[in-house]
C-alpha atoms as a PDB file:
ATOM      1  CA  MET A   1       4.245 116.233  77.365  1.00  0.00           C
ATOM      2  CA  GLU A   2       4.182 119.513  76.222  1.00  0.00           C
ATOM      3  CA  ALA A   3       6.587 122.042  78.137  1.00  0.00           C
ATOM      4  CA  GLY A   4       5.481 124.001  81.141  1.00  0.00           C
ATOM      5  CA  LEU A   5       5.135 123.399  84.705  1.00  0.00           C
ATOM      6  CA  THR A   6       2.760 120.527  85.594  1.00  0.00           C
ATOM      7  CA  GLY A   7       0.911 121.349  88.962  1.00  0.00           C
ATOM      8  CA  PRO A   8      -0.733 119.124  91.300  1.00  0.00           C
ATOM      9  CA  HIS A   9      -3.411 121.586  92.877  1.00  0.00           C
ATOM     10  CA  ALA A  10      -6.220 121.271  90.600  1.00  0.00           C
ATOM     11  CA  ALA A  11      -8.017 117.587  91.304  1.00  0.00           C
ATOM     12  CA  THR A  12     -11.095 115.747  90.425  1.00  0.00           C
ATOM     13  CA  ALA A  13     -13.636 114.589  93.111  1.00  0.00           C
ATOM     14  CA  ALA A  14     -11.933 111.249  92.939  1.00  0.00           C
ATOM     15  CA  GLU A  15      -8.574 112.557  93.342  1.00  0.00           C
ATOM     16  CA  LEU A  16      -9.630 115.126  96.009  1.00  0.00           C
ATOM     17  CA  LYS A  17     -10.869 112.122  98.213  1.00  0.00           C
ATOM     18  CA  GLU A  18      -7.714 110.118  97.515  1.00  0.00           C
ATOM     19  CA  ARG A  19      -5.856 113.224  99.115  1.00  0.00           C
ATOM     20  CA  LEU A  20      -8.259 113.309 102.133  1.00  0.00           C
ATOM     21  CA  ALA A  21      -7.953 109.757 102.934  1.00  0.00           C
ATOM     22  CA  ALA A  22      -4.003 109.981 102.988  1.00  0.00           C
ATOM     23  CA  GLU A  23      -4.437 113.053 105.249  1.00  0.00           C
ATOM     24  CA  ARG A  24      -6.436 110.886 107.475  1.00  0.00           C
ATOM     25  CA  ARG A  25      -3.868 108.024 107.480  1.00  0.00           C
ATOM     26  CA  GLY A  26      -1.660 111.069 109.066  1.00  0.00           C
ATOM     27  CA  HIS A  27       1.709 110.158 107.232  1.00  0.00           C
ATOM     28  CA  PRO A  28       3.379 113.105 105.361  1.00  0.00           C
ATOM     29  CA  PHE A  29       3.176 112.663 101.634  1.00  0.00           C
ATOM     30  CA  LEU A  30       3.503 114.170  98.197  1.00  0.00           C
ATOM     31  CA  ILE A  31       1.319 115.082  95.626  1.00  0.00           C
ATOM     32  CA  MET A  32       2.634 115.274  91.842  1.00  0.00           C
ATOM     33  CA  ARG A  33       1.215 114.265  88.535  1.00  0.00           C
ATOM     34  CA  GLY A  34       2.679 111.777  86.257  1.00  0.00           C
ATOM     35  CA  GLU A  35       3.156 111.915  82.371  1.00  0.00           C
ATOM     36  CA  ASP A  36      -0.396 111.347  81.658  1.00  0.00           C
ATOM     37  CA  ALA A  37      -1.497 114.052  84.094  1.00  0.00           C
ATOM     38  CA  ALA A  38      -2.931 111.181  86.675  1.00  0.00           C
ATOM     39  CA  GLN A  39      -2.474 112.381  90.333  1.00  0.00           C
ATOM     40  CA  ILE A  40       0.290 110.349  92.248  1.00  0.00           C
ATOM     41  CA  LEU A  41       0.518 110.187  95.922  1.00  0.00           C
ATOM     42  CA  ILE A  42       3.656 109.201  97.382  1.00  0.00           C
ATOM     43  CA  GLU A  43       3.252 108.584 101.208  1.00  0.00           C
ATOM     44  CA  LEU A  44       6.433 109.026 103.357  1.00  0.00           C
ATOM     45  CA  PRO A  45       5.855 107.104 106.623  1.00  0.00           C
ATOM     46  CA  GLU A  46       8.587 108.009 109.431  1.00  0.00           C
ATOM     47  CA  ASP A  47       9.609 104.407 109.879  1.00  0.00           C
ATOM     48  CA  GLY A  48      10.153 104.012 106.261  1.00  0.00           C
ATOM     49  CA  PRO A  49      13.362 104.839 104.244  1.00  0.00           C
ATOM     50  CA  GLN A  50      15.076 108.019 105.771  1.00  0.00           C
ATOM     51  CA  THR A  51      16.319 109.246 102.296  1.00  0.00           C
ATOM     52  CA  ARG A  52      14.473 109.113  99.010  1.00  0.00           C
ATOM     53  CA  THR A  53      16.132 109.778  95.693  1.00  0.00           C
ATOM     54  CA  ILE A  54      14.292 112.089  93.380  1.00  0.00           C
ATOM     55  CA  GLY A  55      15.109 112.091  89.517  1.00  0.00           C
ATOM     56  CA  ARG A  56      14.572 111.242  85.999  1.00  0.00           C
ATOM     57  CA  ALA A  57      16.371 107.633  86.539  1.00  0.00           C
ATOM     58  CA  ALA A  58      14.061 104.500  86.775  1.00  0.00           C
ATOM     59  CA  GLU A  59      16.089 103.341  89.625  1.00  0.00           C
ATOM     60  CA  CYS A  60      15.055 106.758  91.825  1.00  0.00           C
ATOM     61  CA  ASP A  61      12.643 106.247  94.902  1.00  0.00           C
ATOM     62  CA  ILE A  62      10.648 109.158  93.319  1.00  0.00           C
ATOM     63  CA  ALA A  63      11.319 108.866  89.413  1.00  0.00           C
ATOM     64  CA  MET A  64      10.119 111.275  86.893  1.00  0.00           C
ATOM     65  CA  PRO A  65      11.193 109.876  83.750  1.00  0.00           C
ATOM     66  CA  TRP A  66       8.876 111.888  81.231  1.00  0.00           C
ATOM     67  CA  ASP A  67      10.790 115.240  82.435  1.00  0.00           C
ATOM     68  CA  ALA A  68      13.747 115.869  80.044  1.00  0.00           C
ATOM     69  CA  GLN A  69      14.587 118.925  82.477  1.00  0.00           C
ATOM     70  CA  VAL A  70      14.992 116.652  85.435  1.00  0.00           C
ATOM     71  CA  SER A  71      18.563 115.061  86.135  1.00  0.00           C
ATOM     72  CA  ARG A  72      19.079 111.652  86.394  1.00  0.00           C
ATOM     73  CA  VAL A  73      19.502 112.021  90.082  1.00  0.00           C
ATOM     74  CA  HIS A  74      18.177 115.307  90.793  1.00  0.00           C
ATOM     75  CA  ALA A  75      17.695 115.676  94.502  1.00  0.00           C
ATOM     76  CA  GLU A  76      17.250 113.997  98.017  1.00  0.00           C
ATOM     77  CA  LEU A  77      14.586 113.749 100.423  1.00  0.00           C
ATOM     78  CA  VAL A  78      16.051 113.377 103.828  1.00  0.00           C
ATOM     79  CA  TRP A  79      14.327 112.619 107.264  1.00  0.00           C
ATOM     80  CA  VAL A  80      16.306 114.670 109.701  1.00  0.00           C
ATOM     81  CA  GLY A  81      15.289 114.540 113.509  1.00  0.00           C
ATOM     82  CA  ARG A  82      11.475 114.855 113.230  1.00  0.00           C
ATOM     83  CA  ASP A  83      10.867 116.580 109.675  1.00  0.00           C
ATOM     84  CA  TRP A  84      11.516 115.826 106.077  1.00  0.00           C
ATOM     85  CA  ALA A  85      14.119 118.045 104.187  1.00  0.00           C
ATOM     86  CA  ILE A  86      14.885 118.535 100.616  1.00  0.00           C
ATOM     87  CA  ASP A  87      18.478 118.611  99.663  1.00  0.00           C
ATOM     88  CA  ASP A  88      20.110 119.073  96.044  1.00  0.00           C
ATOM     89  CA  GLY A  89      23.555 119.204  97.005  1.00  0.00           C
ATOM     90  CA  GLY A  90      24.567 120.095  93.300  1.00  0.00           C
ATOM     91  CA  LEU A  91      23.005 116.890  92.034  1.00  0.00           C
ATOM     92  CA  SER A  92      20.979 118.690  89.445  1.00  0.00           C
ATOM     93  CA  ARG A  93      21.970 120.727  86.495  1.00  0.00           C
ATOM     94  CA  ASN A  94      18.396 122.960  86.695  1.00  0.00           C
ATOM     95  CA  GLY A  95      18.349 123.503  90.571  1.00  0.00           C
ATOM     96  CA  THR A  96      15.577 122.594  92.967  1.00  0.00           C
ATOM     97  CA  TYR A  97      13.187 125.051  93.902  1.00  0.00           C
ATOM     98  CA  VAL A  98      10.895 125.388  97.085  1.00  0.00           C
ATOM     99  CA  ASN A  99       7.887 127.793  96.854  1.00  0.00           C
ATOM    100  CA  GLY A 100       9.681 129.499  93.810  1.00  0.00           C
ATOM    101  CA  GLN A 101      12.957 129.997  95.557  1.00  0.00           C
ATOM    102  CA  ARG A 102      16.099 128.072  94.156  1.00  0.00           C
ATOM    103  CA  ILE A 103      17.692 126.261  97.311  1.00  0.00           C
ATOM    104  CA  ALA A 104      21.034 126.659  97.944  1.00  0.00           C
ATOM    105  CA  GLU A 105      21.272 124.122 101.115  1.00  0.00           C
ATOM    106  CA  ARG A 106      19.066 121.639 102.700  1.00  0.00           C
ATOM    107  CA  ARG A 107      15.513 123.000 103.389  1.00  0.00           C
ATOM    108  CA  ARG A 108      13.282 121.563 105.822  1.00  0.00           C
ATOM    109  CA  LEU A 109       9.595 121.381 104.357  1.00  0.00           C
ATOM    110  CA  ARG A 110       6.767 122.382 105.829  1.00  0.00           C
ATOM    111  CA  ASP A 111       3.119 121.427 105.361  1.00  0.00           C
ATOM    112  CA  GLY A 112       1.737 123.038 101.915  1.00  0.00           C
ATOM    113  CA  ASP A 113       5.270 123.542 100.228  1.00  0.00           C
ATOM    114  CA  THR A 114       5.426 123.440  96.685  1.00  0.00           C
ATOM    115  CA  LEU A 115       8.399 121.908  95.401  1.00  0.00           C
ATOM    116  CA  ARG A 116       9.652 121.945  91.680  1.00  0.00           C
ATOM    117  CA  PHE A 117      11.979 119.829  89.750  1.00  0.00           C
ATOM    118  CA  GLY A 118      12.510 120.812  85.968  1.00  0.00           C
ATOM    119  CA  ALA A 119       9.034 120.961  84.630  1.00  0.00           C
ATOM    120  CA  THR A 120       7.250 118.827  87.165  1.00  0.00           C
ATOM    121  CA  ALA A 121       5.720 120.348  90.567  1.00  0.00           C
ATOM    122  CA  MET A 122       4.585 118.472  93.682  1.00  0.00           C
ATOM    123  CA  VAL A 123       3.118 119.672  96.903  1.00  0.00           C
ATOM    124  CA  PHE A 124       4.514 118.346 100.230  1.00  0.00           C
ATOM    125  CA  ARG A 125       1.968 117.613 102.656  1.00  0.00           C
ATOM    126  CA  ARG A 126       2.046 116.938 106.201  1.00  0.00           C
ATOM    127  CA  PRO A 127      -1.099 116.357 108.046  1.00  0.00           C
ATOM    128  CA  SER A 128       0.065 116.548 111.503  1.00  0.00           C
ATOM    129  CA  GLU A 129       1.598 119.836 111.080  1.00  0.00           C
ATOM    130  CA  ALA A 130      -1.707 121.194 109.379  1.00  0.00           C
ATOM    131  CA  ILE A 131      -3.645 120.247 112.449  1.00  0.00           C
ATOM    132  CA  GLU A 132      -1.042 121.989 114.720  1.00  0.00           C
ATOM    133  CA  VAL A 133      -1.426 125.109 112.866  1.00  0.00           C
ATOM    134  CA  SER A 134      -5.254 124.963 112.582  1.00  0.00           C
ATOM    135  CA  SER A 135      -5.616 124.237 116.244  1.00  0.00           C
ATOM    136  CA  VAL A 136      -4.539 127.655 117.230  1.00  0.00           C
ATOM    137  CA  THR A 137      -7.655 129.210 115.515  1.00  0.00           C
ATOM    138  CA  VAL A 138     -10.047 126.566 115.314  1.00  0.00           C
ATOM    139  CA  SER A 139     -12.302 125.945 118.466  1.00  0.00           C
ATOM    140  CA  ALA A 140     -13.082 122.680 119.827  1.00  0.00           C
ATOM    141  CA  ALA A 141     -16.645 123.068 118.880  1.00  0.00           C
ATOM    142  CA  GLY A 142     -15.643 122.754 115.378  1.00  0.00           C
ATOM    143  CA  LEU A 143     -15.688 125.104 112.341  1.00  0.00           C
ATOM    144  CA  PRO A 144     -17.836 127.961 111.591  1.00  0.00           C
ATOM    145  CA  GLY A 145     -21.245 127.261 110.455  1.00  0.00           C
ATOM    146  CA  PRO A 146     -23.743 129.451 108.656  1.00  0.00           C
ATOM    147  CA  THR A 147     -24.919 131.244 111.428  1.00  0.00           C
ATOM    148  CA  SER A 148     -21.688 132.295 112.710  1.00  0.00           C
ATOM    149  CA  LEU A 149     -20.618 134.260 109.244  1.00  0.00           C
ATOM    150  CA  SER A 150     -21.917 137.392 107.955  1.00  0.00           C
ATOM    151  CA  ASP A 151     -24.162 137.451 104.589  1.00  0.00           C
ATOM    152  CA  SER A 152     -21.145 138.773 102.550  1.00  0.00           C
ATOM    153  CA  GLN A 153     -18.851 135.939 103.842  1.00  0.00           C
ATOM    154  CA  ARG A 154     -21.358 133.166 103.105  1.00  0.00           C
ATOM    155  CA  ALA A 155     -21.989 134.831  99.595  1.00  0.00           C
ATOM    156  CA  VAL A 156     -17.885 134.862  99.158  1.00  0.00           C
ATOM    157  CA  LEU A 157     -17.493 131.258 100.111  1.00  0.00           C
ATOM    158  CA  ARG A 158     -20.363 129.824  98.001  1.00  0.00           C
ATOM    159  CA  GLU A 159     -18.683 131.698  94.872  1.00  0.00           C
ATOM    160  CA  LEU A 160     -15.230 130.386  96.372  1.00  0.00           C
ATOM    161  CA  CYS A 161     -16.800 126.728  96.074  1.00  0.00           C
ATOM    162  CA  ARG A 162     -18.843 126.772  93.247  1.00  0.00           C
ATOM    163  CA  PRO A 163     -16.611 125.059  90.712  1.00  0.00           C
ATOM    164  CA  MET A 164     -15.961 122.246  93.097  1.00  0.00           C
ATOM    165  CA  ALA A 165     -19.271 121.721  93.477  1.00  0.00           C
ATOM    166  CA  ALA A 166     -20.080 121.148  89.754  1.00  0.00           C
ATOM    167  CA  ASP A 167     -20.278 117.404  88.907  1.00  0.00           C
ATOM    168  CA  GLY A 168     -17.578 116.398  86.676  1.00  0.00           C
ATOM    169  CA  GLY A 169     -15.805 119.718  87.394  1.00  0.00           C
ATOM    170  CA  ARG A 170     -12.294 120.229  88.366  1.00  0.00           C
ATOM    171  CA  ALA A 171     -11.983 120.479  91.825  1.00  0.00           C
ATOM    172  CA  ARG A 172     -10.556 124.104  91.952  1.00  0.00           C
ATOM    173  CA  PRO A 173     -11.798 127.003  94.076  1.00  0.00           C
ATOM    174  CA  ALA A 174     -12.822 130.002  92.069  1.00  0.00           C
ATOM    175  CA  THR A 175     -10.150 132.706  91.827  1.00  0.00           C
ATOM    176  CA  ASN A 176     -10.416 136.339  93.074  1.00  0.00           C
ATOM    177  CA  PRO A 177     -11.564 137.817  89.817  1.00  0.00           C
ATOM    178  CA  GLU A 178     -14.210 135.227  89.426  1.00  0.00           C
ATOM    179  CA  ILE A 179     -15.749 135.744  92.774  1.00  0.00           C
ATOM    180  CA  ALA A 180     -15.609 139.560  92.295  1.00  0.00           C
ATOM    181  CA  ALA A 181     -17.310 139.350  88.957  1.00  0.00           C
ATOM    182  CA  ALA A 182     -19.951 136.991  90.530  1.00  0.00           C
ATOM    183  CA  LEU A 183     -20.704 139.267  93.246  1.00  0.00           C
ATOM    184  CA  PHE A 184     -19.995 142.648  91.576  1.00  0.00           C
ATOM    185  CA  LEU A 185     -17.625 143.617  94.170  1.00  0.00           C
ATOM    186  CA  SER A 186     -13.918 144.848  94.095  1.00  0.00           C
ATOM    187  CA  LEU A 187     -10.900 142.827  93.955  1.00  0.00           C
ATOM    188  CA  ASP A 188      -9.789 144.561  97.219  1.00  0.00           C
ATOM    189  CA  ALA A 189     -12.923 143.750  99.064  1.00  0.00           C
ATOM    190  CA  ILE A 190     -12.695 139.927  98.215  1.00  0.00           C
ATOM    191  CA  LYS A 191      -9.429 139.904  99.307  1.00  0.00           C
ATOM    192  CA  GLY A 192     -10.348 141.607 102.661  1.00  0.00           C
ATOM    193  CA  HIS A 193     -13.280 138.879 102.999  1.00  0.00           C
ATOM    194  CA  LEU A 194     -10.964 135.987 102.472  1.00  0.00           C
ATOM    195  CA  ARG A 195      -8.369 137.125 104.902  1.00  0.00           C
ATOM    196  CA  VAL A 196     -10.798 137.230 107.652  1.00  0.00           C
ATOM    197  CA  LEU A 197     -12.290 133.607 106.498  1.00  0.00           C
ATOM    198  CA  PHE A 198      -8.723 132.309 106.399  1.00  0.00           C
ATOM    199  CA  VAL A 199      -8.478 133.141 110.352  1.00  0.00           C
ATOM    200  CA  LYS A 200     -12.167 131.820 110.883  1.00  0.00           C
ATOM    201  CA  PHE A 201     -11.416 128.326 109.257  1.00  0.00           C
ATOM    202  CA  GLY A 202      -8.034 128.106 110.677  1.00  0.00           C
ATOM    203  CA  VAL A 203      -5.972 127.907 107.394  1.00  0.00           C
ATOM    204  CA  ASP A 204      -4.152 131.405 107.729  1.00  0.00           C
ATOM    205  CA  GLY A 205      -0.918 129.455 108.909  1.00  0.00           C
ATOM    206  CA  LEU A 206      -0.657 127.483 105.750  1.00  0.00           C
ATOM    207  CA  ALA A 207       1.332 128.185 102.834  1.00  0.00           C
ATOM    208  CA  GLN A 208      -0.274 130.632 100.431  1.00  0.00           C
ATOM    209  CA  ASN A 209      -0.939 128.167  97.774  1.00  0.00           C
ATOM    210  CA  GLU A 210      -3.035 125.731  99.791  1.00  0.00           C
ATOM    211  CA  LYS A 211      -5.243 128.316 101.827  1.00  0.00           C
ATOM    212  CA  ARG A 212      -7.809 128.587  99.351  1.00  0.00           C
ATOM    213  CA  LEU A 213      -8.282 124.810  98.654  1.00  0.00           C
ATOM    214  CA  ARG A 214      -8.479 124.264 102.299  1.00  0.00           C
ATOM    215  CA  LEU A 215     -10.805 126.910 102.836  1.00  0.00           C
ATOM    216  CA  ALA A 216     -13.198 125.615 100.364  1.00  0.00           C
ATOM    217  CA  GLU A 217     -13.071 122.050 101.775  1.00  0.00           C
ATOM    218  CA  ARG A 218     -13.663 123.252 105.151  1.00  0.00           C
ATOM    219  CA  ALA A 219     -16.588 125.470 104.336  1.00  0.00           C
ATOM    220  CA  MET A 220     -18.317 122.415 102.544  1.00  0.00           C
ATOM    221  CA  ASP A 221     -17.395 120.064 105.328  1.00  0.00           C
ATOM    222  CA  SER A 222     -18.837 122.336 108.013  1.00  0.00           C
ATOM    223  CA  GLY A 223     -22.112 123.143 106.136  1.00  0.00           C
ATOM    224  CA  ALA A 224     -21.433 126.737 105.747  1.00  0.00           C
ATOM    225  CA  VAL A 225     -21.366 126.016 102.111  1.00  0.00           C
ATOM    226  CA  LEU A 226     -24.115 123.462 100.975  1.00  0.00           C
ATOM    227  CA  VAL A 227     -22.746 121.710  98.127  1.00  0.00           C
ATOM    228  CA  ALA A 228     -26.058 120.467  96.842  1.00  0.00           C
ATOM    229  CA  GLU A 229     -27.598 124.003  96.847  1.00  0.00           C
ATOM    230  CA  LEU A 230     -24.819 124.965  94.640  1.00  0.00           C
ATOM    231  CA  ARG A 231     -25.530 122.218  92.002  1.00  0.00           C
ATOM    232  CA  GLU A 232     -29.351 123.162  92.271  1.00  0.00           C
ATOM    233  CA  ARG A 233     -28.768 126.703  91.088  1.00  0.00           C
ATOM    234  CA  ALA A 234     -26.231 125.593  88.354  1.00  0.00           C
ATOM    235  CA  GLU A 235     -28.796 123.530  86.765  1.00  0.00           C
END
């Protein structure tokens, strides 16, 4: 595998479906990519083993034999109280990172945290925590639909979701520059609209690296963005 960070965020439609199924089961889980870049989901039920070793060695519970930058035993996932935590404990030579910061002590994990070991990244998902965060801003009536959004907000959502609607495309929301270019708006204007939309769709409390994907998913789930319409315009 080429050197460089291998990211778990981009996904095919089938992989995204697999992630959503894992979310519905409700257990915490990890998303990563293997040596062949295929998605790997590792579920972490609370009634399972309370310590999971992570490392390059095949006997580790979460093994990454393809990554030479990962130590044989690199870190541990530990069930503490009612939460999962990551603990390096000086096991690794290259360190363990959470959201880009090297950890020096045990770190409690939150939904959407990105972990990095060597050149391999993975995302920690805890569906129950995401629901708790979302319930603060999403009413019982459900997510915003087309009629509760301004024309500008709907336009931004359509461009955000457009790459995800393409058949056979990678399930990746559009970047801010891509949206700005499509709508002939400034980057600051796009960021302003997205901040409002994060709140409207109940994802403002999530980790930064998860907000855009969750916003796009919820916009399509709610009907605020019609996937069929985006595909028709692309043809």
